[in-house]
Structure formats: structure tokens, C-alpha cells
Amino acid sequence: MAAGDLIAPGQVWLVGAGPGDPDLLTRKAERLIAAADVVFYDALVGPGVLDLIPAPTERVSVGKRSGRHSKEQGSINDLLLEAARAGKRVVRLKGGDPSVFGRSAEEMDHLAAAGVPVRICPGITTASAAAASGLASLTLRGVARGLTLVTAHLKAGEPLRLDWETLARPGGTLGVYMGRAAAGEIGRSLIAAGRDPDTPVMIAVNVSLPSERLIRGKLSALAFLVATISDDDPTLLLIGEAVETRRVAVDVLRELACPA
């Protein structure tokens, strides 16, 4: 199938750009980007991914960062609809996976209500990429039987209301998207709800990019661990016993590299 056959004029695709590294794009995502007439992209889409957009293709930044929204969601919905009604092949490029805290449902509902066909191309979500970078597992037999993903992103002045008792239960991994600003509250609330203060945590910053940082420690030190992270750096918190599996993996890799 030719790239142009993937997307019809007047159609919108919500495309997962992954965590930032263009090598983590799906082949389908790359083909859709190549076939688009216009690409609306988020602030968290990596520069290497944007470089894949052909020169003649129209690019529209609709990036949103905490406290600095260039476009409100309603405006983005209208821009997508306007482009589709003009007969353009539209790609809405979203960091990570469109269906994981990507507000894809709002855009799909708006387009569907106007009769515009819309589809989703999934992408690698940041939690998966962070675990891979840290040589960790999000689930682990006998240790982490489940994975819970939540977001700490809030409207200005809105309190962080989560089911702390459920999130504090052992036996699972917790991934908190956009959790830097609320890290102290998250740590205190989980411990107050019964989570062991010594629970391992991994803080992943700029996942999959050259500036990636992985910071490890304990839940009790979460507020301290995020102190050096800039407000502009996308940050994910991974909390749970499975996060520590990297130590075993590193020991094995070291032995393979330097046999006795």
C-alpha cells in the first residue's frame, strides 16, 4: 500500500509519536506522517520525529505545556475539523500513545459529530520506554501483578484527588505521568496510605532523548529526588518493587562483558 493510500482526503489520523526517539515510531506512524497534507503536533513530540515531516507538508504547533498553553483543546478540535473539511489529509501527532492521557476522545468526539472519519495509530507510551531504558519491568511475576497509570497534571488551583489507598497497595507498579510538581505530595500520600517508605522509585526525565536522565531512590525521598529537574523537562515517576530489577540485569551484563 502506498503511503498516500493510508489516509484519504478529509480524514484525520491521531498518531502516536512515541516518547521522542524517532526510532521508536511505528512503521505505520512514519508512513502516515509522510502522507499527510498537514500535521498538527504537540510540544512533547521529539525533534527527530518532526524532522520526518516532509518539507512541503504544513506544520502546525498546538503544543501545550503546564501553565503555558499555546492552544486550548477546543481550538485544537476546531483546527482539525477545519483542515479535514478543506479536504486535507490530516495527522494529529501526539507524544507517546494518543489514548494514554492524550485527550484523544475529545478530538474524536468532535470530529465524529461533524461526520469526519477519524482513526488512531498507537504509539509507545512513556512508561514502556522508561522501563526499557532502565532495564526494568513494569510487571514481574510474584512482585508486580499489575500496572496502574495515573496523571498528576491538574488545572491551576485544583487539588490532586487520587484513590491513595488503592494506589498504595503492594503488588503492583504505579506510573505517574507529569508527576514532577506533585512528587512530594504523591510520596507523602502513598506512605500515609500504607505504602512502604522504602519502595523503589525511578524518575525518568526526557525519556528516549539524548538528554534522558534516570534517577533512582526510595519513595520517602521522592520530593528530594525531583529537586534538580527543570519545569520544562517531561517527567514520569515509576514506583514499585519491579523498578529494582535493573540491578540484577546490570550485574548480569557486567559479567557477560567481563567474564572471570
Protein backbone atom coordinates (compact mmCIF):
# COMPACT_ATOMS: atom_id res chain seq x y z
CA MET A 1 0.00 0.00 0.00
CA ALA A 2 1.34 3.41 -0.98
CA ALA A 3 1.73 5.98 1.78
CA GLY A 4 -0.96 8.19 0.27
CA ASP A 5 -3.46 5.31 0.29
CA LEU A 6 -3.27 5.10 4.09
CA ILE A 7 -5.06 8.38 4.61
CA ALA A 8 -7.84 9.81 2.48
CA PRO A 9 -8.55 13.49 1.85
CA GLY A 10 -10.79 14.79 4.62
CA GLN A 11 -9.68 12.08 7.03
CA VAL A 12 -7.92 12.57 10.38
CA TRP A 13 -5.47 10.19 11.99
CA LEU A 14 -4.43 10.57 15.63
CA VAL A 15 -0.86 9.29 15.54
CA GLY A 16 1.29 8.26 18.48
CA ALA A 17 4.75 9.81 18.17
CA GLY A 18 6.19 7.71 20.99
CA PRO A 19 8.41 9.17 23.72
CA GLY A 20 10.67 11.18 21.41
CA ASP A 21 13.22 8.92 19.73
CA PRO A 22 12.21 8.62 16.05
CA ASP A 23 13.48 5.03 16.01
CA LEU A 24 10.63 4.18 18.40
CA LEU A 25 7.96 5.25 15.89
CA THR A 26 5.87 2.51 14.35
CA ARG A 27 6.33 2.00 10.63
CA LYS A 28 2.69 2.93 10.14
CA ALA A 29 3.14 6.22 12.00
CA GLU A 30 6.07 7.14 9.77
CA ARG A 31 4.06 6.37 6.64
CA LEU A 32 1.12 8.46 7.85
CA ILE A 33 3.40 11.40 8.58
CA ALA A 34 4.84 11.12 5.07
CA ALA A 35 1.37 11.06 3.51
CA ALA A 36 -0.17 13.99 5.41
CA ASP A 37 -1.02 17.37 3.93
CA VAL A 38 -0.93 18.95 7.39
CA VAL A 39 0.50 17.80 10.72
CA PHE A 40 -0.73 19.24 14.00
CA TYR A 41 1.88 18.38 16.63
CA ASP A 42 2.27 18.55 20.40
CA ALA A 43 5.11 20.15 22.35
CA LEU A 44 6.24 16.73 23.56
CA VAL A 45 6.86 15.35 20.08
CA GLY A 46 10.60 14.83 19.73
CA PRO A 47 12.60 16.95 17.26
CA GLY A 48 13.79 13.81 15.47
CA VAL A 49 10.19 12.86 14.80
CA LEU A 50 9.38 16.33 13.46
CA ASP A 51 12.34 16.02 11.10
CA LEU A 52 10.45 13.20 9.37
CA ILE A 53 7.71 15.56 8.21
CA PRO A 54 8.33 16.29 4.50
CA ALA A 55 9.28 19.87 3.66
CA PRO A 56 6.12 20.69 1.64
CA THR A 57 3.82 19.48 4.44
CA GLU A 58 2.13 22.16 6.51
CA ARG A 59 3.15 22.06 10.18
CA VAL A 60 1.02 23.50 12.96
CA SER A 61 2.25 23.57 16.55
CA VAL A 62 -0.56 23.07 19.04
CA GLY A 63 1.82 22.30 21.88
CA LYS A 64 0.67 22.52 25.47
CA ARG A 65 2.95 22.67 28.48
CA SER A 66 1.89 23.08 32.07
CA GLY A 67 0.96 26.72 32.64
CA ARG A 68 1.77 27.72 29.04
CA HIS A 69 -0.93 26.53 26.67
CA SER A 70 -0.43 27.75 23.12
CA LYS A 71 -3.82 26.33 22.12
CA GLU A 72 -6.84 25.39 24.18
CA GLN A 73 -8.30 21.97 23.48
CA GLY A 74 -11.45 23.44 21.92
CA SER A 75 -9.34 25.43 19.48
CA ILE A 76 -7.36 22.33 18.54
CA ASN A 77 -10.59 20.44 17.89
CA ASP A 78 -11.77 23.21 15.58
CA LEU A 79 -8.47 23.36 13.70
CA LEU A 80 -8.61 19.63 12.99
CA LEU A 81 -12.18 19.91 11.78
CA GLU A 82 -11.41 22.91 9.56
CA ALA A 83 -8.49 21.12 7.90
CA ALA A 84 -10.50 17.96 7.31
CA ARG A 85 -13.40 19.92 5.83
CA ALA A 86 -10.92 21.57 3.45
CA GLY A 87 -10.18 18.09 2.08
CA LYS A 88 -6.72 17.79 3.60
CA ARG A 89 -5.09 14.59 4.81
CA VAL A 90 -4.73 15.39 8.49
CA VAL A 91 -2.32 13.90 11.02
CA ARG A 92 -2.64 14.86 14.66
CA LEU A 93 0.74 13.92 16.10
CA LYS A 94 0.71 13.22 19.85
CA GLY A 95 3.57 12.37 22.18
CA GLY A 96 3.52 8.79 23.44
CA ASP A 97 0.26 6.98 22.73
CA PRO A 98 -2.82 9.04 21.80
CA SER A 99 -5.02 7.01 24.13
CA VAL A 100 -2.85 7.44 27.24
CA PHE A 101 -3.59 10.90 28.67
CA GLY A 102 -3.68 12.25 25.12
CA ARG A 103 -7.25 13.63 25.18
CA SER A 104 -7.94 11.65 22.04
CA ALA A 105 -11.57 11.01 22.99
CA GLU A 106 -12.37 14.73 22.93
CA GLU A 107 -10.91 15.15 19.45
CA MET A 108 -12.59 12.00 18.13
CA ASP A 109 -15.98 13.02 19.52
CA HIS A 110 -15.71 16.50 17.99
CA LEU A 111 -14.75 15.14 14.57
CA ALA A 112 -17.26 12.30 14.60
CA ALA A 113 -20.08 14.71 15.50
CA ALA A 114 -19.25 16.61 12.31
CA GLY A 115 -19.13 13.45 10.20
CA VAL A 116 -15.34 13.45 9.78
CA PRO A 117 -13.71 9.99 9.67
CA VAL A 118 -11.00 9.58 12.32
CA ARG A 119 -8.67 6.73 13.22
CA ILE A 120 -5.89 6.07 15.72
CA CYS A 121 -2.33 4.85 15.16
CA PRO A 122 -0.96 3.76 18.57
CA GLY A 123 2.46 4.70 19.86
CA ILE A 124 4.88 3.59 22.55
CA THR A 125 3.82 5.20 25.80
CA THR A 126 6.46 6.81 28.01
CA ALA A 127 6.11 4.27 30.83
CA SER A 128 7.12 1.43 28.50
CA ALA A 129 10.07 3.40 27.09
CA ALA A 130 11.24 4.43 30.57
CA ALA A 131 11.19 0.85 31.82
CA ALA A 132 13.17 -0.23 28.76
CA SER A 133 15.78 2.47 29.31
CA GLY A 134 16.09 1.45 32.96
CA LEU A 135 16.33 -2.26 32.15
CA ALA A 136 13.32 -2.74 34.39
CA SER A 137 9.99 -4.49 34.04
CA LEU A 138 6.64 -2.86 34.61
CA THR A 139 5.25 -6.19 35.76
CA LEU A 140 7.11 -9.03 37.45
CA ARG A 141 5.86 -12.45 38.47
CA GLY A 142 5.38 -12.66 42.21
CA VAL A 143 6.31 -9.00 42.69
CA ALA A 144 4.19 -6.75 40.46
CA ARG A 145 1.00 -8.36 39.22
CA GLY A 146 -0.43 -5.19 37.73
CA LEU A 147 0.33 -1.76 36.33
CA THR A 148 -1.58 1.42 37.12
CA LEU A 149 -1.10 4.63 35.13
CA VAL A 150 -2.31 7.96 36.50
CA THR A 151 -1.66 11.60 35.71
CA ALA A 152 -0.77 14.33 38.18
CA HIS A 153 -1.47 17.11 35.68
CA LEU A 154 -4.06 19.48 37.12
CA LYS A 155 -5.74 22.75 36.30
CA ALA A 156 -4.39 25.73 38.22
CA GLY A 157 -5.52 25.61 41.84
CA GLU A 158 -7.09 22.15 41.51
CA PRO A 159 -6.19 19.70 44.30
CA LEU A 160 -4.70 16.29 43.50
CA ARG A 161 -7.51 13.84 44.19
CA LEU A 162 -6.50 10.22 43.70
CA ASP A 163 -7.54 6.98 45.37
CA TRP A 164 -4.43 6.78 47.52
CA GLU A 165 -5.47 3.63 49.40
CA THR A 166 -5.87 1.73 46.14
CA LEU A 167 -2.65 3.13 44.67
CA ALA A 168 -0.70 2.30 47.84
CA ARG A 169 -1.48 -1.41 47.76
CA PRO A 170 1.64 -3.55 47.27
CA GLY A 171 2.00 -5.98 44.42
CA GLY A 172 1.91 -3.56 41.52
CA THR A 173 3.77 -0.81 39.68
CA LEU A 174 2.49 2.76 39.65
CA GLY A 175 3.33 5.10 36.78
CA VAL A 176 2.63 8.79 37.34
CA TYR A 177 2.68 10.96 34.23
CA MET A 178 3.55 14.65 34.60
CA GLY A 179 4.38 13.99 38.23
CA ARG A 180 7.33 16.29 38.92
CA ALA A 181 5.46 19.20 40.51
CA ALA A 182 3.34 16.93 42.70
CA ALA A 183 6.09 14.45 43.61
CA GLY A 184 6.29 15.48 47.25
CA GLU A 185 2.54 15.17 47.74
CA ILE A 186 2.49 11.86 45.88
CA GLY A 187 5.20 10.38 48.09
CA ARG A 188 3.61 11.59 51.34
CA SER A 189 0.12 10.46 50.33
CA LEU A 190 1.22 6.97 49.31
CA ILE A 191 3.17 6.48 52.52
CA ALA A 192 0.26 7.80 54.61
CA ALA A 193 -2.00 5.29 52.83
CA GLY A 194 0.31 2.41 53.77
CA ARG A 195 2.94 2.11 51.04
CA ASP A 196 6.37 1.18 52.38
CA PRO A 197 8.65 4.28 52.50
CA ASP A 198 11.47 2.09 51.14
CA THR A 199 9.54 1.26 47.97
CA PRO A 200 11.88 1.75 44.98
CA VAL A 201 11.18 4.64 42.63
CA MET A 202 12.61 5.55 39.25
CA ILE A 203 12.19 9.09 37.92
CA ALA A 204 12.51 9.23 34.14
CA VAL A 205 13.22 12.60 32.51
CA ASN A 206 13.21 13.29 28.75
CA VAL A 207 12.69 9.61 28.07
CA SER A 208 14.46 8.20 24.97
CA LEU A 209 16.05 11.55 24.06
CA PRO A 210 19.81 12.28 24.23
CA SER A 211 19.12 14.32 27.38
CA GLU A 212 17.41 11.40 29.13
CA ARG A 213 18.01 11.05 32.88
CA LEU A 214 17.02 8.18 35.15
CA ILE A 215 17.04 9.00 38.86
CA ARG A 216 16.61 6.17 41.38
CA GLY A 217 15.82 6.15 45.05
CA LYS A 218 13.14 5.41 47.62
CA LEU A 219 9.58 6.63 47.91
CA SER A 220 10.38 8.53 51.10
CA ALA A 221 12.90 10.67 49.17
CA LEU A 222 10.70 11.41 46.16
CA ALA A 223 10.44 15.16 46.79
CA PHE A 224 14.22 15.44 47.18
CA LEU A 225 14.93 13.36 44.07
CA VAL A 226 12.97 15.67 41.75
CA ALA A 227 14.52 18.87 43.10
CA THR A 228 17.06 19.18 40.27
CA ILE A 229 14.56 18.63 37.44
CA SER A 230 13.59 21.65 35.36
CA ASP A 231 9.96 22.66 34.96
CA ASP A 232 10.38 22.20 31.19
CA ASP A 233 11.56 18.58 31.39
CA PRO A 234 8.83 15.97 30.84
CA THR A 235 8.95 13.70 33.87
CA LEU A 236 7.49 10.29 34.65
CA LEU A 237 7.51 8.61 38.07
CA LEU A 238 7.68 4.81 38.27
CA ILE A 239 7.00 3.44 41.75
CA GLY A 240 7.19 -0.20 42.80
CA GLU A 241 9.39 -3.17 43.56
CA ALA A 242 9.76 -4.17 39.90
CA VAL A 243 11.74 -0.99 39.25
CA GLU A 244 14.71 -2.51 41.09
CA THR A 245 15.15 -5.35 38.61
CA ARG A 246 17.73 -3.26 36.77
CA ARG A 247 20.33 -4.05 39.44
CA VAL A 248 20.17 -7.75 38.60
CA ALA A 249 20.25 -7.03 34.88
CA VAL A 250 23.28 -4.75 35.21
CA ASP A 251 25.17 -7.38 37.20
CA VAL A 252 24.45 -9.98 34.52
CA LEU A 253 25.53 -7.63 31.72
CA ARG A 254 28.73 -6.78 33.58
CA GLU A 255 29.58 -10.48 33.94
CA LEU A 256 28.94 -11.09 30.26
CA ALA A 257 31.15 -8.15 29.29
CA CYS A 258 33.96 -9.06 31.72
CA PRO A 259 33.95 -12.82 32.29
CA ALA A 260 36.14 -14.09 35.14
